[in-house]
Amino acid sequence: MDVMWPILSGLSKFRALRGSVLDPFSRTLERRMERELADDFKTTMTHALSQLDAANANDVKALAALFASACAATAM
């Protein structure tokens, strides 16, 4: 197990490549889906915030919380 730490440490240095032109995984289906979902959420939140009023404030808050919980779940 002690052999794995130097390997993982070395791999972590490549994290800076994520999202760049040099990212070897940037064209995978999963990454494309991540970008599409992020764009979709941004569009949804922009629309929700443009319609924000006292009557739907809790719904918009719940929508934002849903995104925050999804981000927290994927960070694990």
N, C-alpha and C. Protein backbone atom coordinates (compact mmCIF):
# COMPACT_ATOMS: atom_id res chain seq x y z
N MET A 1 0.82 -1.20 0.00
CA MET A 1 0.00 0.00 0.00
C MET A 1 0.86 1.26 0.00
N ASP A 2 2.05 1.17 0.57
CA ASP A 2 2.93 2.33 0.60
C ASP A 2 3.39 2.73 -0.79
N VAL A 3 3.31 1.82 -1.74
CA VAL A 3 3.71 2.11 -3.12
C VAL A 3 2.69 3.01 -3.80
N MET A 4 1.45 2.93 -3.39
CA MET A 4 0.38 3.69 -4.04
C MET A 4 0.45 5.19 -3.80
N TRP A 5 0.91 5.62 -2.62
CA TRP A 5 0.90 7.05 -2.30
C TRP A 5 1.74 7.87 -3.26
N PRO A 6 2.96 7.46 -3.59
CA PRO A 6 3.73 8.24 -4.58
C PRO A 6 3.06 8.28 -5.95
N ILE A 7 2.44 7.18 -6.33
CA ILE A 7 1.75 7.12 -7.62
C ILE A 7 0.56 8.08 -7.62
N LEU A 8 -0.24 8.03 -6.56
CA LEU A 8 -1.41 8.92 -6.47
C LEU A 8 -0.98 10.37 -6.38
N SER A 9 0.10 10.63 -5.68
CA SER A 9 0.63 11.99 -5.58
C SER A 9 1.04 12.50 -6.96
N GLY A 10 1.69 11.64 -7.72
CA GLY A 10 2.08 12.02 -9.08
C GLY A 10 0.89 12.28 -9.98
N LEU A 11 -0.12 11.44 -9.86
CA LEU A 11 -1.33 11.63 -10.67
C LEU A 11 -2.08 12.90 -10.31
N SER A 12 -2.02 13.30 -9.05
CA SER A 12 -2.76 14.50 -8.63
C SER A 12 -2.21 15.75 -9.30
N LYS A 13 -0.97 15.72 -9.72
CA LYS A 13 -0.38 16.88 -10.39
C LYS A 13 -1.01 17.11 -11.77
N PHE A 14 -1.61 16.09 -12.33
CA PHE A 14 -2.27 16.23 -13.63
C PHE A 14 -3.67 16.83 -13.51
N ARG A 15 -4.13 17.07 -12.30
CA ARG A 15 -5.46 17.65 -12.09
C ARG A 15 -5.58 19.01 -12.76
N ALA A 16 -4.46 19.72 -12.86
CA ALA A 16 -4.47 21.04 -13.49
C ALA A 16 -4.86 20.96 -14.97
N LEU A 17 -4.71 19.79 -15.57
CA LEU A 17 -5.08 19.63 -16.98
C LEU A 17 -6.59 19.56 -17.19
N ARG A 18 -7.34 19.26 -16.13
CA ARG A 18 -8.78 19.07 -16.28
C ARG A 18 -9.44 20.33 -16.83
N GLY A 19 -10.16 20.14 -17.88
CA GLY A 19 -10.86 21.25 -18.52
C GLY A 19 -10.03 21.98 -19.55
N SER A 20 -8.75 21.66 -19.65
CA SER A 20 -7.90 22.33 -20.63
C SER A 20 -7.90 21.54 -21.94
N VAL A 21 -7.22 22.07 -22.92
CA VAL A 21 -7.11 21.41 -24.22
C VAL A 21 -6.34 20.10 -24.09
N LEU A 22 -5.49 20.01 -23.09
CA LEU A 22 -4.66 18.82 -22.91
C LEU A 22 -5.32 17.73 -22.07
N ASP A 23 -6.54 17.97 -21.63
CA ASP A 23 -7.26 16.98 -20.82
C ASP A 23 -7.61 15.77 -21.69
N PRO A 24 -7.05 14.60 -21.39
CA PRO A 24 -7.30 13.44 -22.24
C PRO A 24 -8.73 12.91 -22.14
N PHE A 25 -9.45 13.29 -21.11
CA PHE A 25 -10.81 12.79 -20.92
C PHE A 25 -11.88 13.83 -21.26
N SER A 26 -11.49 14.97 -21.79
CA SER A 26 -12.45 16.06 -21.99
C SER A 26 -13.53 15.73 -23.02
N ARG A 27 -13.28 14.77 -23.87
CA ARG A 27 -14.26 14.45 -24.91
C ARG A 27 -15.08 13.20 -24.60
N THR A 28 -14.93 12.67 -23.39
CA THR A 28 -15.72 11.49 -23.04
C THR A 28 -17.18 11.88 -22.88
N LEU A 29 -18.03 10.91 -23.01
CA LEU A 29 -19.47 11.14 -22.88
C LEU A 29 -19.80 11.73 -21.51
N GLU A 30 -19.15 11.21 -20.48
CA GLU A 30 -19.43 11.70 -19.13
C GLU A 30 -19.08 13.18 -18.98
N ARG A 31 -17.95 13.59 -19.48
CA ARG A 31 -17.55 15.00 -19.38
C ARG A 31 -18.46 15.90 -20.20
N ARG A 32 -18.83 15.43 -21.39
CA ARG A 32 -19.75 16.23 -22.21
C ARG A 32 -21.07 16.39 -21.49
N MET A 33 -21.53 15.32 -20.83
CA MET A 33 -22.78 15.38 -20.10
C MET A 33 -22.66 16.33 -18.90
N GLU A 34 -21.52 16.31 -18.22
CA GLU A 34 -21.29 17.23 -17.10
C GLU A 34 -21.43 18.68 -17.57
N ARG A 35 -20.77 18.99 -18.69
CA ARG A 35 -20.83 20.37 -19.20
C ARG A 35 -22.25 20.73 -19.63
N GLU A 36 -22.94 19.80 -20.25
CA GLU A 36 -24.31 20.06 -20.69
C GLU A 36 -25.24 20.28 -19.49
N LEU A 37 -25.09 19.47 -18.46
CA LEU A 37 -25.91 19.64 -17.26
C LEU A 37 -25.63 20.96 -16.56
N ALA A 38 -24.36 21.35 -16.51
CA ALA A 38 -24.00 22.62 -15.88
C ALA A 38 -24.60 23.78 -16.67
N ASP A 39 -24.53 23.71 -17.99
CA ASP A 39 -25.12 24.76 -18.82
C ASP A 39 -26.64 24.80 -18.65
N ASP A 40 -27.25 23.63 -18.59
CA ASP A 40 -28.70 23.54 -18.41
C ASP A 40 -29.11 24.14 -17.06
N PHE A 41 -28.35 23.83 -16.02
CA PHE A 41 -28.68 24.38 -14.71
C PHE A 41 -28.52 25.89 -14.69
N LYS A 42 -27.47 26.39 -15.33
CA LYS A 42 -27.27 27.85 -15.39
C LYS A 42 -28.45 28.52 -16.09
N THR A 43 -28.90 27.93 -17.18
CA THR A 43 -30.05 28.47 -17.91
C THR A 43 -31.30 28.43 -17.04
N THR A 44 -31.51 27.31 -16.36
CA THR A 44 -32.68 27.16 -15.50
C THR A 44 -32.67 28.17 -14.37
N MET A 45 -31.51 28.34 -13.72
CA MET A 45 -31.41 29.29 -12.61
C MET A 45 -31.57 30.73 -13.10
N THR A 46 -31.02 31.04 -14.25
CA THR A 46 -31.17 32.39 -14.81
C THR A 46 -32.65 32.70 -15.03
N HIS A 47 -33.36 31.73 -15.60
CA HIS A 47 -34.79 31.91 -15.83
C HIS A 47 -35.54 32.02 -14.50
N ALA A 48 -35.22 31.15 -13.55
CA ALA A 48 -35.91 31.17 -12.26
C ALA A 48 -35.67 32.49 -11.53
N LEU A 49 -34.44 32.98 -11.57
CA LEU A 49 -34.14 34.24 -10.88
C LEU A 49 -34.79 35.43 -11.57
N SER A 50 -34.97 35.34 -12.87
CA SER A 50 -35.64 36.44 -13.57
C SER A 50 -37.13 36.50 -13.22
N GLN A 51 -37.67 35.37 -12.76
CA GLN A 51 -39.09 35.31 -12.38
C GLN A 51 -39.29 35.35 -10.87
N LEU A 52 -38.22 35.59 -10.12
CA LEU A 52 -38.25 35.52 -8.66
C LEU A 52 -39.20 36.56 -8.07
N ASP A 53 -40.06 36.09 -7.19
CA ASP A 53 -40.92 36.97 -6.40
C ASP A 53 -41.20 36.26 -5.07
N ALA A 54 -41.96 36.89 -4.23
CA ALA A 54 -42.22 36.33 -2.89
C ALA A 54 -42.96 34.98 -2.97
N ALA A 55 -43.77 34.81 -3.99
CA ALA A 55 -44.57 33.59 -4.12
C ALA A 55 -43.72 32.36 -4.47
N ASN A 56 -42.64 32.56 -5.22
CA ASN A 56 -41.86 31.40 -5.64
C ASN A 56 -40.44 31.37 -5.06
N ALA A 57 -40.18 32.23 -4.10
CA ALA A 57 -38.83 32.32 -3.52
C ALA A 57 -38.38 30.99 -2.92
N ASN A 58 -39.29 30.29 -2.25
CA ASN A 58 -38.91 29.00 -1.65
C ASN A 58 -38.59 27.95 -2.72
N ASP A 59 -39.31 28.00 -3.83
CA ASP A 59 -39.03 27.06 -4.92
C ASP A 59 -37.66 27.31 -5.55
N VAL A 60 -37.32 28.58 -5.74
CA VAL A 60 -36.02 28.93 -6.30
C VAL A 60 -34.91 28.54 -5.32
N LYS A 61 -35.16 28.76 -4.04
CA LYS A 61 -34.19 28.37 -3.01
C LYS A 61 -33.99 26.85 -3.03
N ALA A 62 -35.06 26.09 -3.17
CA ALA A 62 -34.96 24.62 -3.22
C ALA A 62 -34.20 24.17 -4.46
N LEU A 63 -34.40 24.85 -5.57
CA LEU A 63 -33.69 24.53 -6.80
C LEU A 63 -32.18 24.76 -6.63
N ALA A 64 -31.82 25.86 -6.01
CA ALA A 64 -30.40 26.15 -5.76
C ALA A 64 -29.81 25.13 -4.79
N ALA A 65 -30.57 24.74 -3.78
CA ALA A 65 -30.10 23.75 -2.81
C ALA A 65 -29.91 22.38 -3.47
N LEU A 66 -30.76 22.06 -4.42
CA LEU A 66 -30.63 20.81 -5.16
C LEU A 66 -29.29 20.76 -5.89
N PHE A 67 -28.94 21.86 -6.52
CA PHE A 67 -27.66 21.94 -7.22
C PHE A 67 -26.50 21.82 -6.23
N ALA A 68 -26.60 22.49 -5.10
CA ALA A 68 -25.53 22.44 -4.09
C ALA A 68 -25.35 21.02 -3.56
N SER A 69 -26.44 20.32 -3.33
CA SER A 69 -26.32 18.95 -2.83
C SER A 69 -25.77 18.00 -3.89
N ALA A 70 -26.10 18.25 -5.15
CA ALA A 70 -25.55 17.43 -6.23
C ALA A 70 -24.04 17.67 -6.36
N CYS A 71 -23.62 18.90 -6.21
CA CYS A 71 -22.18 19.21 -6.28
C CYS A 71 -21.44 18.55 -5.11
N ALA A 72 -22.02 18.59 -3.94
CA ALA A 72 -21.39 17.99 -2.77
C ALA A 72 -21.29 16.47 -2.94
N ALA A 73 -22.30 15.86 -3.54
CA ALA A 73 -22.31 14.41 -3.73
C ALA A 73 -21.24 13.99 -4.74
N THR A 74 -21.02 14.79 -5.77
CA THR A 74 -20.02 14.42 -6.78
C THR A 74 -18.61 14.71 -6.31
N ALA A 75 -18.46 15.57 -5.32
CA ALA A 75 -17.12 15.90 -4.81
C ALA A 75 -16.55 14.77 -3.96
N MET A 76 -17.38 13.86 -3.51
CA MET A 76 -16.92 12.77 -2.65
C MET A 76 -16.18 11.73 -3.41
